Amino acid sequence: MTVVVVVGIMLAGTAQAGSLREREQELAEKKAKKKKEKSTSTSGTSSSFSSAPYPSSSSDGFFDHFWMGLLSAPFRYNPEDPDIEMLPDDAAEDWAGNGAIHDHWHIWGEHTIPYARADYNWQFIDSADEVRDIRFELGYRLFGFQGRMTRYTEPDGYTLDLNQYYGLLRIGGVDSDVVPGAFEVGLGVGMVYHSGTFDDSSAALTVPIKYYPVDYFGIEFRPAWYRWMDVPIGDYDISASLGWRFLQMRYGYRWIWDDGMVDEQSGPYAGVSVSF
């Protein structure tokens, strides 16, 4: 009888050990399967502007990835950011991802998406002895502020001031998947003030565009639209710059269209730009 009991206990112990081993194996297999399913569901399709994963669907296309890249860009890693040194290596790699439309937002001295920039231009027109044009820009990443003050002085001493102020939204950076070099596209909404014989003001809109295929050369186009004495005005400024970071010489032409006719305020200009 004793032998039967001992044998029974041994068999029970063997059966229990076998079931625990099988259960452990079963749980391990389930965990691996669940991890694989989770990895598959979050992989998706990579954008041409960023290799970060986006959910995959049949409706995804070029513009879906483009706008997702733009919206995520302000939160991307900046390789010049000193704060990255405070993060563990694995956290830094996670933050950096695999690139975005902005490889960087700004490096000191660049003209695209500047922290601060100032332009001083000398314009040459027949109707005035002297034209002085000053433009400044302050901002951080997406957001900026721009002011532009132009004073026309005629031979008899009469002066006309044209002052423009805009709040800006700025998109740009460096990404070879988009265009070689650095670029910036902005949208500005603000006010324009004329001060001369009669003072006048109106709302204004501007869409500045910058493209620097190489560090030492760039092209900028700054159209603006406003009204002067209820007359629609188109203010178009195109320029090319030559130099390096922080300082560049600028040459351009500014058209001011008055109700479809070229105004007497139009003419070529030369200037200098300082950026930070």
C-alpha atoms as a PDB file:
ATOM      1  CA  MET A   1       0.000   0.000   0.000  1.00  0.00           C
ATOM      2  CA  THR A   2       2.812   2.333   0.920  1.00  0.00           C
ATOM      3  CA  VAL A   3       4.500   1.636  -2.395  1.00  0.00           C
ATOM      4  CA  VAL A   4       1.311   2.492  -4.268  1.00  0.00           C
ATOM      5  CA  VAL A   5       1.007   5.847  -2.433  1.00  0.00           C
ATOM      6  CA  VAL A   6       4.643   6.785  -3.095  1.00  0.00           C
ATOM      7  CA  VAL A   7       4.352   5.875  -6.770  1.00  0.00           C
ATOM      8  CA  GLY A   8       1.152   7.913  -7.008  1.00  0.00           C
ATOM      9  CA  ILE A   9       2.812  10.959  -5.454  1.00  0.00           C
ATOM     10  CA  MET A  10       5.757  10.669  -7.848  1.00  0.00           C
ATOM     11  CA  LEU A  11       3.479  10.414 -10.865  1.00  0.00           C
ATOM     12  CA  ALA A  12       1.456  13.419  -9.673  1.00  0.00           C
ATOM     13  CA  GLY A  13       4.647  15.437  -9.210  1.00  0.00           C
ATOM     14  CA  THR A  14       5.837  14.494 -12.667  1.00  0.00           C
ATOM     15  CA  ALA A  15       2.508  15.467 -14.205  1.00  0.00           C
ATOM     16  CA  GLN A  16       2.514  18.839 -12.356  1.00  0.00           C
ATOM     17  CA  ALA A  17       6.066  19.591 -13.437  1.00  0.00           C
ATOM     18  CA  GLY A  18       5.201  18.791 -17.004  1.00  0.00           C
ATOM     19  CA  SER A  19       2.129  21.051 -17.010  1.00  0.00           C
ATOM     20  CA  LEU A  20       4.056  24.000 -15.521  1.00  0.00           C
ATOM     21  CA  ARG A  21       6.779  23.654 -18.154  1.00  0.00           C
ATOM     22  CA  GLU A  22       4.167  23.538 -20.900  1.00  0.00           C
ATOM     23  CA  ARG A  23       2.359  26.527 -19.429  1.00  0.00           C
ATOM     24  CA  GLU A  24       5.572  28.543 -19.284  1.00  0.00           C
ATOM     25  CA  GLN A  25       6.303  27.675 -22.914  1.00  0.00           C
ATOM     26  CA  GLU A  26       2.770  28.608 -23.899  1.00  0.00           C
ATOM     27  CA  LEU A  27       3.036  32.029 -22.197  1.00  0.00           C
ATOM     28  CA  ALA A  28       6.401  32.664 -23.821  1.00  0.00           C
ATOM     29  CA  GLU A  29       4.965  31.900 -27.258  1.00  0.00           C
ATOM     30  CA  LYS A  30       1.979  34.179 -26.650  1.00  0.00           C
ATOM     31  CA  LYS A  31       4.253  37.016 -25.546  1.00  0.00           C
ATOM     32  CA  ALA A  32       6.406  36.669 -28.651  1.00  0.00           C
ATOM     33  CA  LYS A  33       3.326  36.571 -30.895  1.00  0.00           C
ATOM     34  CA  LYS A  34       1.816  39.661 -29.260  1.00  0.00           C
ATOM     35  CA  LYS A  35       5.097  41.568 -29.608  1.00  0.00           C
ATOM     36  CA  LYS A  36       5.294  40.635 -33.292  1.00  0.00           C
ATOM     37  CA  GLU A  37       1.695  41.752 -33.922  1.00  0.00           C
ATOM     38  CA  LYS A  38       2.330  45.086 -32.176  1.00  0.00           C
ATOM     39  CA  SER A  39       5.499  45.673 -34.194  1.00  0.00           C
ATOM     40  CA  THR A  40       3.664  44.907 -37.442  1.00  0.00           C
ATOM     41  CA  SER A  41       0.736  47.227 -36.643  1.00  0.00           C
ATOM     42  CA  THR A  42       3.027  50.213 -35.936  1.00  0.00           C
ATOM     43  CA  SER A  43       5.464  49.817 -38.826  1.00  0.00           C
ATOM     44  CA  GLY A  44       3.439  51.246 -41.762  1.00  0.00           C
ATOM     45  CA  THR A  45       4.827  53.221 -44.676  1.00  0.00           C
ATOM     46  CA  SER A  46       7.763  55.654 -44.639  1.00  0.00           C
ATOM     47  CA  SER A  47       7.387  59.188 -46.019  1.00  0.00           C
ATOM     48  CA  SER A  48       9.702  60.554 -48.676  1.00  0.00           C
ATOM     49  CA  PHE A  49      10.276  63.511 -46.349  1.00  0.00           C
ATOM     50  CA  SER A  50      10.954  61.411 -43.294  1.00  0.00           C
ATOM     51  CA  SER A  51      11.726  57.816 -42.622  1.00  0.00           C
ATOM     52  CA  ALA A  52       9.699  57.947 -39.398  1.00  0.00           C
ATOM     53  CA  PRO A  53       6.837  55.423 -39.495  1.00  0.00           C
ATOM     54  CA  TYR A  54       3.315  56.520 -40.290  1.00  0.00           C
ATOM     55  CA  PRO A  55       0.215  54.309 -40.174  1.00  0.00           C
ATOM     56  CA  SER A  56      -0.268  52.631 -43.514  1.00  0.00           C
ATOM     57  CA  SER A  57      -3.501  52.896 -45.430  1.00  0.00           C
ATOM     58  CA  SER A  58      -4.578  52.774 -49.025  1.00  0.00           C
ATOM     59  CA  SER A  59      -5.345  56.520 -48.986  1.00  0.00           C
ATOM     60  CA  ASP A  60      -1.829  57.541 -47.961  1.00  0.00           C
ATOM     61  CA  GLY A  61      -0.043  59.561 -50.625  1.00  0.00           C
ATOM     62  CA  PHE A  62       2.575  62.195 -51.264  1.00  0.00           C
ATOM     63  CA  PHE A  63       0.682  65.103 -49.691  1.00  0.00           C
ATOM     64  CA  ASP A  64      -0.418  63.043 -46.665  1.00  0.00           C
ATOM     65  CA  HIS A  65       3.206  62.386 -45.799  1.00  0.00           C
ATOM     66  CA  PHE A  66       4.248  65.926 -46.741  1.00  0.00           C
ATOM     67  CA  TRP A  67       1.856  67.601 -44.308  1.00  0.00           C
ATOM     68  CA  MET A  68       2.527  65.045 -41.577  1.00  0.00           C
ATOM     69  CA  GLY A  69       6.227  65.781 -41.965  1.00  0.00           C
ATOM     70  CA  LEU A  70       5.609  69.534 -41.702  1.00  0.00           C
ATOM     71  CA  LEU A  71       3.460  69.211 -38.605  1.00  0.00           C
ATOM     72  CA  SER A  72       5.935  66.953 -36.838  1.00  0.00           C
ATOM     73  CA  ALA A  73       8.994  68.973 -37.845  1.00  0.00           C
ATOM     74  CA  PRO A  74       8.919  71.504 -34.935  1.00  0.00           C
ATOM     75  CA  PHE A  75       9.317  68.617 -32.497  1.00  0.00           C
ATOM     76  CA  ARG A  76      12.208  66.940 -34.299  1.00  0.00           C
ATOM     77  CA  TYR A  77      15.714  66.618 -32.990  1.00  0.00           C
ATOM     78  CA  ASN A  78      18.124  69.461 -33.667  1.00  0.00           C
ATOM     79  CA  PRO A  79      21.684  68.077 -33.920  1.00  0.00           C
ATOM     80  CA  GLU A  80      23.028  71.482 -32.837  1.00  0.00           C
ATOM     81  CA  ASP A  81      20.869  71.519 -29.673  1.00  0.00           C
ATOM     82  CA  PRO A  82      23.102  71.357 -26.551  1.00  0.00           C
ATOM     83  CA  ASP A  83      20.254  69.830 -24.533  1.00  0.00           C
ATOM     84  CA  ILE A  84      20.660  66.576 -26.447  1.00  0.00           C
ATOM     85  CA  GLU A  85      23.887  65.963 -24.544  1.00  0.00           C
ATOM     86  CA  MET A  86      21.849  65.622 -21.343  1.00  0.00           C
ATOM     87  CA  LEU A  87      19.889  62.674 -22.667  1.00  0.00           C
ATOM     88  CA  PRO A  88      20.931  59.010 -22.504  1.00  0.00           C
ATOM     89  CA  ASP A  89      22.256  57.638 -25.785  1.00  0.00           C
ATOM     90  CA  ASP A  90      19.173  55.529 -26.475  1.00  0.00           C
ATOM     91  CA  ALA A  91      16.832  58.450 -25.709  1.00  0.00           C
ATOM     92  CA  ALA A  92      18.829  60.715 -28.009  1.00  0.00           C
ATOM     93  CA  GLU A  93      18.530  58.206 -30.817  1.00  0.00           C
ATOM     94  CA  ASP A  94      14.771  57.889 -30.274  1.00  0.00           C
ATOM     95  CA  TRP A  95      14.403  61.669 -30.294  1.00  0.00           C
ATOM     96  CA  ALA A  96      16.512  62.043 -33.409  1.00  0.00           C
ATOM     97  CA  GLY A  97      14.503  59.485 -35.345  1.00  0.00           C
ATOM     98  CA  ASN A  98      15.673  58.968 -38.889  1.00  0.00           C
ATOM     99  CA  GLY A  99      15.387  62.514 -40.217  1.00  0.00           C
ATOM    100  CA  ALA A 100      12.616  64.941 -41.133  1.00  0.00           C
ATOM    101  CA  ILE A 101      11.934  67.825 -43.462  1.00  0.00           C
ATOM    102  CA  HIS A 102      14.160  69.840 -41.111  1.00  0.00           C
ATOM    103  CA  ASP A 103      17.597  68.274 -40.653  1.00  0.00           C
ATOM    104  CA  HIS A 104      18.019  71.345 -38.493  1.00  0.00           C
ATOM    105  CA  TRP A 105      15.901  74.415 -37.902  1.00  0.00           C
ATOM    106  CA  HIS A 106      18.708  76.926 -37.799  1.00  0.00           C
ATOM    107  CA  ILE A 107      22.451  77.217 -37.475  1.00  0.00           C
ATOM    108  CA  TRP A 108      23.877  80.554 -36.380  1.00  0.00           C
ATOM    109  CA  GLY A 109      24.473  82.842 -39.332  1.00  0.00           C
ATOM    110  CA  GLU A 110      22.094  81.187 -41.794  1.00  0.00           C
ATOM    111  CA  HIS A 111      19.554  83.357 -43.594  1.00  0.00           C
ATOM    112  CA  THR A 112      16.708  80.801 -43.523  1.00  0.00           C
ATOM    113  CA  ILE A 113      14.481  80.729 -40.428  1.00  0.00           C
ATOM    114  CA  PRO A 114      16.777  83.162 -38.557  1.00  0.00           C
ATOM    115  CA  TYR A 115      16.628  84.004 -34.898  1.00  0.00           C
ATOM    116  CA  ALA A 116      17.411  87.581 -35.930  1.00  0.00           C
ATOM    117  CA  ARG A 117      18.201  89.256 -39.234  1.00  0.00           C
ATOM    118  CA  ALA A 118      18.618  92.843 -40.445  1.00  0.00           C
ATOM    119  CA  ASP A 119      18.737  94.175 -44.034  1.00  0.00           C
ATOM    120  CA  TYR A 120      19.792  97.665 -45.083  1.00  0.00           C
ATOM    121  CA  ASN A 121      19.165  98.628 -48.736  1.00  0.00           C
ATOM    122  CA  TRP A 122      19.918 101.647 -50.914  1.00  0.00           C
ATOM    123  CA  GLN A 123      17.357 101.940 -53.711  1.00  0.00           C
ATOM    124  CA  PHE A 124      17.836 103.953 -56.901  1.00  0.00           C
ATOM    125  CA  ILE A 125      14.774 105.602 -58.497  1.00  0.00           C
ATOM    126  CA  ASP A 126      14.277 108.726 -60.642  1.00  0.00           C
ATOM    127  CA  SER A 127      11.595 110.346 -58.476  1.00  0.00           C
ATOM    128  CA  ALA A 128      13.666 110.600 -55.274  1.00  0.00           C
ATOM    129  CA  ASP A 129      17.132 111.736 -54.297  1.00  0.00           C
ATOM    130  CA  GLU A 130      17.380 109.171 -51.570  1.00  0.00           C
ATOM    131  CA  VAL A 131      15.612 105.913 -50.663  1.00  0.00           C
ATOM    132  CA  ARG A 132      16.528 104.110 -47.454  1.00  0.00           C
ATOM    133  CA  ASP A 133      15.018 100.702 -46.770  1.00  0.00           C
ATOM    134  CA  ILE A 134      15.451  98.801 -43.482  1.00  0.00           C
ATOM    135  CA  ARG A 135      14.037  95.348 -42.790  1.00  0.00           C
ATOM    136  CA  PHE A 136      14.380  93.298 -39.616  1.00  0.00           C
ATOM    137  CA  GLU A 137      13.144  89.860 -38.622  1.00  0.00           C
ATOM    138  CA  LEU A 138      12.956  88.150 -35.221  1.00  0.00           C
ATOM    139  CA  GLY A 139      11.684  84.656 -34.567  1.00  0.00           C
ATOM    140  CA  TYR A 140      12.040  81.132 -33.291  1.00  0.00           C
ATOM    141  CA  ARG A 141      11.253  78.116 -35.455  1.00  0.00           C
ATOM    142  CA  LEU A 142       7.703  78.388 -36.836  1.00  0.00           C
ATOM    143  CA  PHE A 143       6.953  81.865 -35.530  1.00  0.00           C
ATOM    144  CA  GLY A 144       8.484  85.191 -36.450  1.00  0.00           C
ATOM    145  CA  PHE A 145       7.938  88.930 -36.670  1.00  0.00           C
ATOM    146  CA  GLN A 146       9.009  91.165 -39.555  1.00  0.00           C
ATOM    147  CA  GLY A 147       9.170  94.914 -39.866  1.00  0.00           C
ATOM    148  CA  ARG A 148      10.110  96.905 -42.955  1.00  0.00           C
ATOM    149  CA  MET A 149      10.533 100.679 -43.055  1.00  0.00           C
ATOM    150  CA  THR A 150      11.144 102.558 -46.304  1.00  0.00           C
ATOM    151  CA  ARG A 151      11.650 106.320 -46.572  1.00  0.00           C
ATOM    152  CA  TYR A 152      11.559 108.181 -49.887  1.00  0.00           C
ATOM    153  CA  THR A 153      13.099 111.682 -49.901  1.00  0.00           C
ATOM    154  CA  GLU A 154      12.397 113.932 -52.924  1.00  0.00           C
ATOM    155  CA  PRO A 155      14.636 116.780 -54.141  1.00  0.00           C
ATOM    156  CA  ASP A 156      12.464 119.409 -52.425  1.00  0.00           C
ATOM    157  CA  GLY A 157      12.802 117.626 -49.072  1.00  0.00           C
ATOM    158  CA  TYR A 158       9.386 115.963 -49.061  1.00  0.00           C
ATOM    159  CA  THR A 159       9.423 112.523 -47.433  1.00  0.00           C
ATOM    160  CA  LEU A 160       7.087 109.584 -47.764  1.00  0.00           C
ATOM    161  CA  ASP A 161       7.316 106.722 -45.259  1.00  0.00           C
ATOM    162  CA  LEU A 162       6.092 103.208 -46.007  1.00  0.00           C
ATOM    163  CA  ASN A 163       6.137 100.997 -42.904  1.00  0.00           C
ATOM    164  CA  GLN A 164       5.109  97.329 -42.878  1.00  0.00           C
ATOM    165  CA  TYR A 165       4.705  94.982 -39.893  1.00  0.00           C
ATOM    166  CA  TYR A 166       3.878  91.280 -40.094  1.00  0.00           C
ATOM    167  CA  GLY A 167       3.456  88.268 -37.873  1.00  0.00           C
ATOM    168  CA  LEU A 168       4.997  85.287 -39.675  1.00  0.00           C
ATOM    169  CA  LEU A 169       4.582  81.539 -39.906  1.00  0.00           C
ATOM    170  CA  ARG A 170       7.765  79.982 -41.332  1.00  0.00           C
ATOM    171  CA  ILE A 171       8.414  76.549 -42.807  1.00  0.00           C
ATOM    172  CA  GLY A 172      11.752  75.425 -44.159  1.00  0.00           C
ATOM    173  CA  GLY A 173      15.116  73.946 -43.374  1.00  0.00           C
ATOM    174  CA  VAL A 174      17.429  71.539 -45.129  1.00  0.00           C
ATOM    175  CA  ASP A 175      16.380  68.272 -46.751  1.00  0.00           C
ATOM    176  CA  SER A 176      17.845  66.798 -49.918  1.00  0.00           C
ATOM    177  CA  ASP A 177      14.600  64.873 -50.481  1.00  0.00           C
ATOM    178  CA  VAL A 178      12.823  68.196 -51.106  1.00  0.00           C
ATOM    179  CA  VAL A 179      15.429  70.425 -52.788  1.00  0.00           C
ATOM    180  CA  PRO A 180      19.216  70.669 -52.512  1.00  0.00           C
ATOM    181  CA  GLY A 181      20.336  73.409 -50.169  1.00  0.00           C
ATOM    182  CA  ALA A 182      18.246  75.441 -47.703  1.00  0.00           C
ATOM    183  CA  PHE A 183      14.794  76.900 -48.269  1.00  0.00           C
ATOM    184  CA  GLU A 184      12.062  78.787 -46.450  1.00  0.00           C
ATOM    185  CA  VAL A 185       8.446  79.627 -47.229  1.00  0.00           C
ATOM    186  CA  GLY A 186       6.533  82.013 -44.991  1.00  0.00           C
ATOM    187  CA  LEU A 187       3.085  83.480 -44.556  1.00  0.00           C
ATOM    188  CA  GLY A 188       2.730  86.892 -42.977  1.00  0.00           C
ATOM    189  CA  VAL A 189      -0.340  88.890 -41.985  1.00  0.00           C
ATOM    190  CA  GLY A 190      -0.092  92.437 -40.686  1.00  0.00           C
ATOM    191  CA  MET A 191      -0.543  96.136 -41.310  1.00  0.00           C
ATOM    192  CA  VAL A 192       0.946  98.795 -43.606  1.00  0.00           C
ATOM    193  CA  TYR A 193       1.195 102.483 -42.729  1.00  0.00           C
ATOM    194  CA  HIS A 194       1.796 105.324 -45.199  1.00  0.00           C
ATOM    195  CA  SER A 195       2.933 108.630 -43.783  1.00  0.00           C
ATOM    196  CA  GLY A 196       3.288 111.691 -46.037  1.00  0.00           C
ATOM    197  CA  THR A 197       0.911 114.458 -46.946  1.00  0.00           C
ATOM    198  CA  PHE A 198      -1.899 112.138 -45.965  1.00  0.00           C
ATOM    199  CA  ASP A 199      -1.604 109.310 -43.455  1.00  0.00           C
ATOM    200  CA  ASP A 200      -3.185 106.015 -44.393  1.00  0.00           C
ATOM    201  CA  SER A 201      -3.140 102.385 -43.257  1.00  0.00           C
ATOM    202  CA  SER A 202      -4.469  99.017 -44.385  1.00  0.00           C
ATOM    203  CA  ALA A 203      -4.233  95.298 -43.715  1.00  0.00           C
ATOM    204  CA  ALA A 204      -1.430  93.497 -45.555  1.00  0.00           C
ATOM    205  CA  LEU A 205      -0.371  90.028 -46.643  1.00  0.00           C
ATOM    206  CA  THR A 206       3.087  88.731 -47.566  1.00  0.00           C
ATOM    207  CA  VAL A 207       4.487  85.361 -48.696  1.00  0.00           C
ATOM    208  CA  PRO A 208       8.300  85.498 -48.474  1.00  0.00           C
ATOM    209  CA  ILE A 209      10.244  82.742 -50.237  1.00  0.00           C
ATOM    210  CA  LYS A 210      13.974  82.040 -49.812  1.00  0.00           C
ATOM    211  CA  TYR A 211      16.152  79.500 -51.556  1.00  0.00           C
ATOM    212  CA  TYR A 212      19.872  79.002 -50.950  1.00  0.00           C
ATOM    213  CA  PRO A 213      21.229  76.172 -53.125  1.00  0.00           C
ATOM    214  CA  VAL A 214      24.675  76.745 -51.579  1.00  0.00           C
ATOM    215  CA  ASP A 215      25.824  78.524 -48.431  1.00  0.00           C
ATOM    216  CA  TYR A 216      27.259  81.554 -50.220  1.00  0.00           C
ATOM    217  CA  PHE A 217      24.490  82.276 -52.741  1.00  0.00           C
ATOM    218  CA  GLY A 218      20.733  82.642 -52.491  1.00  0.00           C
ATOM    219  CA  ILE A 219      17.601  84.050 -54.114  1.00  0.00           C
ATOM    220  CA  GLU A 220      14.701  85.660 -52.258  1.00  0.00           C
ATOM    221  CA  PHE A 221      11.256  86.758 -53.404  1.00  0.00           C
ATOM    222  CA  ARG A 222       9.105  88.914 -51.106  1.00  0.00           C
ATOM    223  CA  PRO A 223       5.699  89.760 -52.539  1.00  0.00           C
ATOM    224  CA  ALA A 224       3.260  91.819 -50.450  1.00  0.00           C
ATOM    225  CA  TRP A 225      -0.271  93.062 -51.052  1.00  0.00           C
ATOM    226  CA  TYR A 226      -2.029  95.971 -49.354  1.00  0.00           C
ATOM    227  CA  ARG A 227      -3.990  99.143 -50.137  1.00  0.00           C
ATOM    228  CA  TRP A 228      -3.055 102.813 -50.306  1.00  0.00           C
ATOM    229  CA  MET A 229      -5.926 105.279 -50.263  1.00  0.00           C
ATOM    230  CA  ASP A 230      -8.200 102.347 -51.174  1.00  0.00           C
ATOM    231  CA  VAL A 231      -6.070 101.555 -54.243  1.00  0.00           C
ATOM    232  CA  PRO A 232      -4.772  97.941 -54.446  1.00  0.00           C
ATOM    233  CA  ILE A 233      -0.970  97.794 -54.250  1.00  0.00           C
ATOM    234  CA  GLY A 234       1.326  94.960 -55.265  1.00  0.00           C
ATOM    235  CA  ASP A 235       4.782  95.249 -53.698  1.00  0.00           C
ATOM    236  CA  TYR A 236       7.249  92.778 -55.293  1.00  0.00           C
ATOM    237  CA  ASP A 237      10.870  92.427 -54.195  1.00  0.00           C
ATOM    238  CA  ILE A 238      13.283  89.941 -55.786  1.00  0.00           C
ATOM    239  CA  SER A 239      16.959  89.764 -54.875  1.00  0.00           C
ATOM    240  CA  ALA A 240      20.108  87.673 -55.082  1.00  0.00           C
ATOM    241  CA  SER A 241      22.706  87.581 -52.320  1.00  0.00           C
ATOM    242  CA  LEU A 242      26.371  86.692 -52.298  1.00  0.00           C
ATOM    243  CA  GLY A 243      28.477  86.108 -49.219  1.00  0.00           C
ATOM    244  CA  TRP A 244      28.704  83.672 -46.332  1.00  0.00           C
ATOM    245  CA  ARG A 245      27.036  83.104 -42.991  1.00  0.00           C
ATOM    246  CA  PHE A 246      26.312  86.173 -40.869  1.00  0.00           C
ATOM    247  CA  LEU A 247      27.040  88.676 -43.678  1.00  0.00           C
ATOM    248  CA  GLN A 248      25.986  88.872 -47.334  1.00  0.00           C
ATOM    249  CA  MET A 249      25.777  91.521 -50.031  1.00  0.00           C
ATOM    250  CA  ARG A 250      22.364  91.803 -51.665  1.00  0.00           C
ATOM    251  CA  TYR A 251      21.300  93.059 -55.111  1.00  0.00           C
ATOM    252  CA  GLY A 252      17.693  93.258 -56.227  1.00  0.00           C
ATOM    253  CA  TYR A 253      14.772  95.078 -57.758  1.00  0.00           C
ATOM    254  CA  ARG A 254      11.583  96.273 -56.110  1.00  0.00           C
ATOM    255  CA  TRP A 255       8.382  96.848 -58.048  1.00  0.00           C
ATOM    256  CA  ILE A 256       5.451  98.700 -56.495  1.00  0.00           C
ATOM    257  CA  TRP A 257       2.394  98.305 -58.679  1.00  0.00           C
ATOM    258  CA  ASP A 258      -0.354 100.887 -58.330  1.00  0.00           C
ATOM    259  CA  ASP A 259      -3.651  99.513 -59.670  1.00  0.00           C
ATOM    260  CA  GLY A 260      -1.880  97.637 -62.447  1.00  0.00           C
ATOM    261  CA  MET A 261       0.625 100.383 -63.354  1.00  0.00           C
ATOM    262  CA  VAL A 262       4.290 100.489 -62.332  1.00  0.00           C
ATOM    263  CA  ASP A 263       4.621 103.155 -59.666  1.00  0.00           C
ATOM    264  CA  GLU A 264       7.432 105.735 -59.497  1.00  0.00           C
ATOM    265  CA  GLN A 265       8.657 104.021 -56.345  1.00  0.00           C
ATOM    266  CA  SER A 266      10.075 101.084 -58.350  1.00  0.00           C
ATOM    267  CA  GLY A 267      13.784 100.603 -59.015  1.00  0.00           C
ATOM    268  CA  PRO A 268      16.923  98.537 -58.392  1.00  0.00           C
ATOM    269  CA  TYR A 269      18.696  98.412 -55.043  1.00  0.00           C
ATOM    270  CA  ALA A 270      21.885  97.202 -53.350  1.00  0.00           C
ATOM    271  CA  GLY A 271      22.246  96.295 -49.724  1.00  0.00           C
ATOM    272  CA  VAL A 272      23.740  94.216 -46.967  1.00  0.00           C
ATOM    273  CA  SER A 273      22.195  91.492 -44.767  1.00  0.00           C
ATOM    274  CA  VAL A 274      23.295  90.396 -41.296  1.00  0.00           C
ATOM    275  CA  SER A 275      21.824  87.184 -39.825  1.00  0.00           C
ATOM    276  CA  PHE A 276      22.027  85.308 -36.518  1.00  0.00           C
END
